[in-house]
Amino acid sequence: MSRDDHHGDPSTSSGSPRAPSRGEKELASFIRAGAERRPDQAYGDYFKGQRASCALGAAYEGMYRLPRQAEGLHPTKDLEWFFDCLEGTIRRCPGGDGCQKKLSLASIIVHLNDDHRWSREQIASWLEAVNGAVNGKSEAPKST
């Protein structure tokens, strides 16, 4: 499965139902926790070597204890099961530069990481701001 494959079945292989919905704010906290474990940012892959992860790789790292050498792991299906907002939510790209993409949240996170080269911290801040806007707050994310 490549990083572009964001269409996994959100139920488990036994056919059990989806996990309870998790919000963008919780996803942001996992991205930050994973970024602390792998301080360098990866582009085009979830993990590079022992020190780098992309935003979704950092979220996975924040949820689970992974081996130092995680290159080649593909966590998207587990993330989708835990955070149904990744595939069940459509977001417009906040990346600027006239970008008009409107994609699933998982695809927007990959797009911001790889194409706009947003830091994992910027992505986490945006997720928190999106969560706040959904819940009636209107804070803009701060760039780092």
N, C-alpha and C. Protein backbone atom coordinates (compact mmCIF):
# COMPACT_ATOMS: atom_id res chain seq x y z
N MET A 1 0.85 -1.17 0.00
CA MET A 1 0.00 0.00 0.00
C MET A 1 0.89 1.23 0.00
N SER A 2 0.65 2.19 -0.86
CA SER A 2 1.42 3.41 -0.90
C SER A 2 0.74 4.48 -0.07
N ARG A 3 1.43 5.60 0.12
CA ARG A 3 0.85 6.69 0.89
C ARG A 3 -0.37 7.26 0.19
N ASP A 4 -0.53 7.04 -1.08
CA ASP A 4 -1.69 7.56 -1.79
C ASP A 4 -2.92 6.70 -1.59
N ASP A 5 -2.78 5.53 -0.98
CA ASP A 5 -3.91 4.64 -0.75
C ASP A 5 -4.58 4.98 0.57
N HIS A 6 -5.52 5.91 0.56
CA HIS A 6 -6.21 6.34 1.77
C HIS A 6 -7.65 5.86 1.74
N HIS A 7 -7.88 4.64 1.28
CA HIS A 7 -9.26 4.18 1.13
C HIS A 7 -9.50 2.84 1.81
N GLY A 8 -8.89 2.62 2.98
CA GLY A 8 -9.08 1.35 3.70
C GLY A 8 -10.46 1.24 4.29
N ASP A 9 -10.90 0.01 4.52
CA ASP A 9 -12.18 -0.26 5.17
C ASP A 9 -12.05 0.10 6.63
N PRO A 10 -12.89 1.02 7.15
CA PRO A 10 -12.76 1.45 8.54
C PRO A 10 -13.17 0.41 9.56
N SER A 11 -13.75 -0.70 9.14
CA SER A 11 -14.06 -1.75 10.10
C SER A 11 -12.88 -2.69 10.21
N THR A 12 -12.83 -3.45 11.27
CA THR A 12 -11.74 -4.40 11.43
C THR A 12 -11.96 -5.59 10.51
N SER A 13 -10.95 -6.45 10.40
CA SER A 13 -11.08 -7.60 9.51
C SER A 13 -12.17 -8.55 9.96
N SER A 14 -12.54 -8.50 11.23
CA SER A 14 -13.61 -9.37 11.71
C SER A 14 -14.99 -8.78 11.42
N GLY A 15 -15.01 -7.58 10.82
CA GLY A 15 -16.28 -6.96 10.48
C GLY A 15 -16.90 -6.19 11.62
N SER A 16 -16.15 -6.00 12.71
CA SER A 16 -16.72 -5.24 13.83
C SER A 16 -16.89 -3.78 13.44
N PRO A 17 -17.75 -3.06 14.12
CA PRO A 17 -18.06 -1.70 13.72
C PRO A 17 -16.91 -0.74 13.95
N ARG A 18 -17.06 0.46 13.39
CA ARG A 18 -16.08 1.52 13.53
C ARG A 18 -15.85 1.87 14.99
N ALA A 19 -14.67 2.38 15.26
CA ALA A 19 -14.37 2.92 16.59
C ALA A 19 -15.13 4.23 16.74
N PRO A 20 -15.32 4.69 17.95
CA PRO A 20 -15.97 5.98 18.14
C PRO A 20 -15.18 7.07 17.42
N SER A 21 -15.87 8.08 16.96
CA SER A 21 -15.24 9.18 16.23
C SER A 21 -14.20 9.88 17.11
N ARG A 22 -13.06 10.20 16.54
CA ARG A 22 -12.03 10.98 17.22
C ARG A 22 -11.87 12.27 16.42
N GLY A 23 -11.65 13.36 17.09
CA GLY A 23 -11.58 14.65 16.44
C GLY A 23 -10.19 15.07 16.04
N GLU A 24 -10.19 16.16 15.31
CA GLU A 24 -8.94 16.72 14.83
C GLU A 24 -8.01 17.13 15.97
N LYS A 25 -8.57 17.59 17.08
CA LYS A 25 -7.75 18.03 18.20
C LYS A 25 -6.94 16.86 18.78
N GLU A 26 -7.55 15.70 18.91
CA GLU A 26 -6.84 14.53 19.41
C GLU A 26 -5.78 14.08 18.40
N LEU A 27 -6.11 14.12 17.12
CA LEU A 27 -5.15 13.79 16.08
C LEU A 27 -3.94 14.72 16.17
N ALA A 28 -4.19 16.01 16.40
CA ALA A 28 -3.09 16.98 16.53
C ALA A 28 -2.17 16.61 17.69
N SER A 29 -2.73 16.18 18.81
CA SER A 29 -1.88 15.82 19.95
C SER A 29 -1.03 14.60 19.64
N PHE A 30 -1.55 13.64 18.88
CA PHE A 30 -0.75 12.48 18.49
C PHE A 30 0.35 12.87 17.51
N ILE A 31 0.07 13.80 16.60
CA ILE A 31 1.11 14.28 15.67
C ILE A 31 2.25 14.90 16.46
N ARG A 32 1.93 15.73 17.44
CA ARG A 32 2.97 16.37 18.25
C ARG A 32 3.79 15.34 19.04
N ALA A 33 3.11 14.37 19.63
CA ALA A 33 3.82 13.34 20.41
C ALA A 33 4.75 12.53 19.51
N GLY A 34 4.28 12.15 18.32
CA GLY A 34 5.11 11.40 17.40
C GLY A 34 6.28 12.22 16.87
N ALA A 35 6.06 13.52 16.66
CA ALA A 35 7.13 14.39 16.17
C ALA A 35 8.25 14.52 17.21
N GLU A 36 7.90 14.42 18.49
CA GLU A 36 8.93 14.44 19.53
C GLU A 36 9.80 13.19 19.47
N ARG A 37 9.21 12.05 19.10
CA ARG A 37 9.97 10.80 19.04
C ARG A 37 10.87 10.72 17.81
N ARG A 38 10.42 11.33 16.72
CA ARG A 38 11.22 11.38 15.48
C ARG A 38 11.29 12.85 15.08
N PRO A 39 12.37 13.53 15.46
CA PRO A 39 12.43 14.98 15.32
C PRO A 39 12.53 15.51 13.89
N ASP A 40 12.92 14.69 12.93
CA ASP A 40 13.04 15.16 11.54
C ASP A 40 11.76 14.86 10.77
N GLN A 41 11.47 15.71 9.79
CA GLN A 41 10.26 15.53 9.00
C GLN A 41 10.55 14.76 7.72
N ALA A 42 9.68 13.80 7.40
CA ALA A 42 9.80 13.01 6.17
C ALA A 42 8.81 13.55 5.14
N TYR A 43 9.17 13.43 3.88
CA TYR A 43 8.31 13.83 2.77
C TYR A 43 8.22 12.66 1.80
N GLY A 44 7.01 12.30 1.40
CA GLY A 44 6.83 11.22 0.43
C GLY A 44 6.73 9.84 1.04
N ASP A 45 7.06 9.69 2.30
CA ASP A 45 6.98 8.41 3.01
C ASP A 45 6.51 8.69 4.43
N TYR A 46 5.92 7.68 5.05
CA TYR A 46 5.52 7.83 6.45
C TYR A 46 6.74 7.98 7.34
N PHE A 47 7.77 7.17 7.09
CA PHE A 47 8.99 7.16 7.90
C PHE A 47 10.20 7.11 7.00
N LYS A 48 11.27 7.80 7.41
CA LYS A 48 12.57 7.73 6.73
C LYS A 48 13.61 7.49 7.80
N GLY A 49 14.32 6.39 7.68
CA GLY A 49 15.35 6.07 8.67
C GLY A 49 14.79 5.97 10.06
N GLN A 50 15.61 6.33 11.04
CA GLN A 50 15.20 6.19 12.43
C GLN A 50 14.74 7.50 13.06
N ARG A 51 14.88 8.62 12.34
CA ARG A 51 14.60 9.92 12.96
C ARG A 51 13.54 10.76 12.28
N ALA A 52 12.93 10.28 11.19
CA ALA A 52 12.01 11.14 10.44
C ALA A 52 10.66 10.48 10.21
N SER A 53 9.61 11.30 10.28
CA SER A 53 8.25 10.87 9.96
C SER A 53 7.49 12.03 9.34
N CYS A 54 6.50 11.70 8.52
CA CYS A 54 5.59 12.73 8.01
C CYS A 54 4.52 12.98 9.08
N ALA A 55 3.56 13.84 8.79
CA ALA A 55 2.53 14.16 9.78
C ALA A 55 1.69 12.93 10.15
N LEU A 56 1.27 12.14 9.16
CA LEU A 56 0.47 10.94 9.49
C LEU A 56 1.34 9.88 10.17
N GLY A 57 2.59 9.76 9.76
CA GLY A 57 3.51 8.84 10.44
C GLY A 57 3.70 9.25 11.90
N ALA A 58 3.80 10.56 12.14
CA ALA A 58 3.94 11.06 13.51
C ALA A 58 2.69 10.74 14.33
N ALA A 59 1.51 10.85 13.72
CA ALA A 59 0.28 10.51 14.44
C ALA A 59 0.29 9.04 14.85
N TYR A 60 0.72 8.18 13.93
CA TYR A 60 0.80 6.75 14.23
C TYR A 60 1.81 6.50 15.34
N GLU A 61 2.95 7.16 15.25
CA GLU A 61 3.99 7.04 16.28
C GLU A 61 3.49 7.54 17.62
N GLY A 62 2.65 8.57 17.61
CA GLY A 62 2.09 9.10 18.84
C GLY A 62 1.09 8.16 19.49
N MET A 63 0.47 7.29 18.71
CA MET A 63 -0.52 6.33 19.24
C MET A 63 0.12 5.03 19.69
N TYR A 64 1.17 4.60 19.00
CA TYR A 64 1.78 3.29 19.25
C TYR A 64 3.26 3.43 19.50
N ARG A 65 3.82 2.49 20.20
CA ARG A 65 5.28 2.42 20.35
C ARG A 65 5.81 1.64 19.16
N LEU A 66 6.53 2.31 18.28
CA LEU A 66 7.05 1.69 17.06
C LEU A 66 8.53 1.41 17.21
N PRO A 67 9.03 0.45 16.43
CA PRO A 67 10.48 0.22 16.43
C PRO A 67 11.19 1.43 15.84
N ARG A 68 12.43 1.67 16.25
CA ARG A 68 13.18 2.81 15.71
C ARG A 68 13.24 2.76 14.19
N GLN A 69 13.41 1.57 13.64
CA GLN A 69 13.49 1.42 12.18
C GLN A 69 12.09 1.08 11.68
N ALA A 70 11.28 2.09 11.36
CA ALA A 70 9.90 1.90 10.93
C ALA A 70 9.72 2.14 9.44
N GLU A 71 10.80 2.41 8.73
CA GLU A 71 10.70 2.67 7.29
C GLU A 71 10.00 1.50 6.61
N GLY A 72 9.02 1.81 5.77
CA GLY A 72 8.26 0.78 5.06
C GLY A 72 6.93 0.45 5.73
N LEU A 73 6.72 0.89 6.98
CA LEU A 73 5.42 0.68 7.62
C LEU A 73 4.38 1.58 6.98
N HIS A 74 3.16 1.08 6.88
CA HIS A 74 2.05 1.83 6.27
C HIS A 74 0.88 1.88 7.25
N PRO A 75 0.82 2.92 8.08
CA PRO A 75 -0.17 2.96 9.16
C PRO A 75 -1.56 3.46 8.79
N THR A 76 -1.81 3.84 7.57
CA THR A 76 -3.05 4.52 7.24
C THR A 76 -4.30 3.77 7.67
N LYS A 77 -4.38 2.46 7.44
CA LYS A 77 -5.59 1.73 7.78
C LYS A 77 -5.89 1.80 9.28
N ASP A 78 -4.87 1.64 10.12
CA ASP A 78 -5.08 1.76 11.57
C ASP A 78 -5.53 3.17 11.94
N LEU A 79 -4.93 4.17 11.32
CA LEU A 79 -5.32 5.54 11.62
C LEU A 79 -6.77 5.79 11.22
N GLU A 80 -7.17 5.28 10.05
CA GLU A 80 -8.54 5.49 9.60
C GLU A 80 -9.54 4.84 10.54
N TRP A 81 -9.20 3.66 11.05
CA TRP A 81 -10.09 2.98 11.99
C TRP A 81 -10.25 3.80 13.25
N PHE A 82 -9.14 4.36 13.75
CA PHE A 82 -9.17 5.12 14.99
C PHE A 82 -9.76 6.51 14.79
N PHE A 83 -9.38 7.17 13.73
CA PHE A 83 -9.84 8.52 13.44
C PHE A 83 -10.70 8.51 12.19
N ASP A 84 -11.96 8.17 12.32
CA ASP A 84 -12.82 8.11 11.13
C ASP A 84 -12.93 9.47 10.46
N CYS A 85 -12.51 10.54 11.14
CA CYS A 85 -12.51 11.86 10.51
C CYS A 85 -11.52 11.94 9.36
N LEU A 86 -10.50 11.06 9.32
CA LEU A 86 -9.51 11.12 8.24
C LEU A 86 -10.13 10.88 6.87
N GLU A 87 -11.04 9.96 6.77
CA GLU A 87 -11.69 9.70 5.49
C GLU A 87 -13.11 10.22 5.43
N GLY A 88 -13.73 10.41 6.59
CA GLY A 88 -15.12 10.84 6.62
C GLY A 88 -15.31 12.34 6.60
N THR A 89 -14.21 13.09 6.56
CA THR A 89 -14.27 14.55 6.57
C THR A 89 -13.57 15.09 5.33
N ILE A 90 -14.23 16.00 4.65
CA ILE A 90 -13.64 16.67 3.49
C ILE A 90 -13.23 18.07 3.92
N ARG A 91 -12.01 18.46 3.56
CA ARG A 91 -11.49 19.78 3.90
C ARG A 91 -10.91 20.44 2.66
N ARG A 92 -11.02 21.76 2.64
CA ARG A 92 -10.37 22.57 1.60
C ARG A 92 -8.94 22.84 2.04
N CYS A 93 -8.01 22.83 1.12
CA CYS A 93 -6.61 23.05 1.44
C CYS A 93 -6.41 24.47 1.99
N PRO A 94 -5.79 24.58 3.16
CA PRO A 94 -5.49 25.88 3.73
C PRO A 94 -4.08 26.37 3.36
N GLY A 95 -3.43 25.69 2.41
CA GLY A 95 -2.03 25.93 2.12
C GLY A 95 -1.69 27.22 1.43
N GLY A 96 -2.70 27.95 0.94
CA GLY A 96 -2.42 29.21 0.26
C GLY A 96 -1.92 29.00 -1.15
N ASP A 97 -1.26 29.99 -1.68
CA ASP A 97 -0.70 29.95 -3.04
C ASP A 97 -1.77 29.63 -4.09
N GLY A 98 -3.02 30.00 -3.81
CA GLY A 98 -4.10 29.76 -4.76
C GLY A 98 -4.54 28.31 -4.86
N CYS A 99 -4.10 27.47 -3.95
CA CYS A 99 -4.47 26.06 -3.98
C CYS A 99 -5.95 25.91 -3.66
N GLN A 100 -6.67 25.21 -4.52
CA GLN A 100 -8.12 25.04 -4.38
C GLN A 100 -8.52 23.59 -4.11
N LYS A 101 -7.57 22.74 -3.74
CA LYS A 101 -7.88 21.32 -3.53
C LYS A 101 -8.89 21.15 -2.41
N LYS A 102 -9.78 20.19 -2.60
CA LYS A 102 -10.77 19.82 -1.60
C LYS A 102 -10.74 18.30 -1.54
N LEU A 103 -10.19 17.75 -0.44
CA LEU A 103 -9.92 16.32 -0.34
C LEU A 103 -10.30 15.81 1.05
N SER A 104 -10.20 14.50 1.21
CA SER A 104 -10.38 13.92 2.55
C SER A 104 -9.31 14.49 3.47
N LEU A 105 -9.59 14.50 4.76
CA LEU A 105 -8.64 15.04 5.72
C LEU A 105 -7.29 14.34 5.63
N ALA A 106 -7.29 13.02 5.47
CA ALA A 106 -6.02 12.27 5.34
C ALA A 106 -5.22 12.78 4.14
N SER A 107 -5.89 12.96 3.02
CA SER A 107 -5.21 13.42 1.80
C SER A 107 -4.73 14.86 1.94
N ILE A 108 -5.51 15.70 2.61
CA ILE A 108 -5.09 17.09 2.83
C ILE A 108 -3.85 17.13 3.72
N ILE A 109 -3.80 16.28 4.74
CA ILE A 109 -2.62 16.25 5.62
C ILE A 109 -1.38 15.84 4.83
N VAL A 110 -1.51 14.82 3.99
CA VAL A 110 -0.38 14.40 3.15
C VAL A 110 0.00 15.53 2.19
N HIS A 111 -0.99 16.17 1.59
CA HIS A 111 -0.77 17.28 0.66
C HIS A 111 -0.04 18.44 1.36
N LEU A 112 -0.48 18.82 2.56
CA LEU A 112 0.18 19.91 3.29
C LEU A 112 1.62 19.53 3.64
N ASN A 113 1.83 18.28 4.04
CA ASN A 113 3.16 17.80 4.41
C ASN A 113 4.09 17.77 3.19
N ASP A 114 3.63 17.14 2.11
CA ASP A 114 4.51 16.88 0.97
C ASP A 114 4.57 18.02 -0.05
N ASP A 115 3.43 18.64 -0.33
CA ASP A 115 3.40 19.65 -1.39
C ASP A 115 3.63 21.07 -0.88
N HIS A 116 3.02 21.42 0.23
CA HIS A 116 3.21 22.76 0.79
C HIS A 116 4.34 22.81 1.80
N ARG A 117 4.87 21.64 2.16
CA ARG A 117 6.00 21.52 3.10
C ARG A 117 5.70 22.17 4.45
N TRP A 118 4.44 22.01 4.90
CA TRP A 118 4.10 22.49 6.24
C TRP A 118 4.79 21.59 7.25
N SER A 119 5.23 22.18 8.35
CA SER A 119 5.81 21.37 9.43
C SER A 119 4.69 20.58 10.10
N ARG A 120 5.07 19.54 10.81
CA ARG A 120 4.08 18.76 11.55
C ARG A 120 3.40 19.62 12.61
N GLU A 121 4.13 20.55 13.21
CA GLU A 121 3.56 21.48 14.19
C GLU A 121 2.51 22.38 13.53
N GLN A 122 2.80 22.89 12.33
CA GLN A 122 1.81 23.72 11.63
C GLN A 122 0.55 22.93 11.32
N ILE A 123 0.72 21.68 10.89
CA ILE A 123 -0.43 20.83 10.58
C ILE A 123 -1.24 20.59 11.85
N ALA A 124 -0.56 20.30 12.96
CA ALA A 124 -1.26 20.07 14.23
C ALA A 124 -2.01 21.33 14.66
N SER A 125 -1.40 22.50 14.52
CA SER A 125 -2.07 23.75 14.89
C SER A 125 -3.29 24.00 14.02
N TRP A 126 -3.19 23.70 12.73
CA TRP A 126 -4.33 23.84 11.83
C TRP A 126 -5.46 22.89 12.24
N LEU A 127 -5.10 21.65 12.58
CA LEU A 127 -6.12 20.69 13.01
C LEU A 127 -6.84 21.18 14.26
N GLU A 128 -6.11 21.74 15.20
CA GLU A 128 -6.75 22.29 16.40
C GLU A 128 -7.66 23.45 16.06
N ALA A 129 -7.24 24.31 15.14
CA ALA A 129 -8.07 25.45 14.74
C ALA A 129 -9.32 24.97 14.01
N VAL A 130 -9.17 23.95 13.16
CA VAL A 130 -10.32 23.38 12.46
C VAL A 130 -11.30 22.82 13.47
N ASN A 131 -10.79 22.11 14.48
CA ASN A 131 -11.64 21.56 15.53
C ASN A 131 -12.35 22.67 16.27
N GLY A 132 -11.65 23.76 16.56
CA GLY A 132 -12.26 24.88 17.24
C GLY A 132 -13.36 25.52 16.40
N ALA A 133 -13.12 25.67 15.10
CA ALA A 133 -14.12 26.26 14.21
C ALA A 133 -15.36 25.38 14.14
N VAL A 134 -15.15 24.07 14.12
CA VAL A 134 -16.28 23.13 14.09
C VAL A 134 -17.09 23.25 15.36
N ASN A 135 -16.40 23.52 16.48
CA ASN A 135 -17.07 23.61 17.77
C ASN A 135 -17.44 25.05 18.16
N GLY A 136 -17.50 25.95 17.17
CA GLY A 136 -17.97 27.30 17.42
C GLY A 136 -16.90 28.33 17.74
N LYS A 137 -15.64 27.96 17.73
CA LYS A 137 -14.54 28.90 17.96
C LYS A 137 -13.95 29.26 16.61
N SER A 138 -13.28 30.38 16.53
CA SER A 138 -12.74 30.78 15.23
C SER A 138 -11.30 31.25 15.34
N GLU A 139 -10.44 30.45 15.96
CA GLU A 139 -9.03 30.77 16.05
C GLU A 139 -8.31 30.35 14.79
N ALA A 140 -7.46 31.22 14.29
CA ALA A 140 -6.64 30.88 13.13
C ALA A 140 -5.36 30.20 13.60
N PRO A 141 -4.85 29.22 12.85
CA PRO A 141 -3.60 28.58 13.25
C PRO A 141 -2.43 29.54 13.15
N LYS A 142 -1.48 29.40 14.05
CA LYS A 142 -0.28 30.22 14.03
C LYS A 142 0.80 29.46 13.29
N SER A 143 1.46 30.12 12.37
CA SER A 143 2.55 29.45 11.65
C SER A 143 3.80 29.49 12.51
N THR A 144 4.65 28.45 12.32
CA THR A 144 5.87 28.36 13.13
C THR A 144 7.08 28.64 12.28
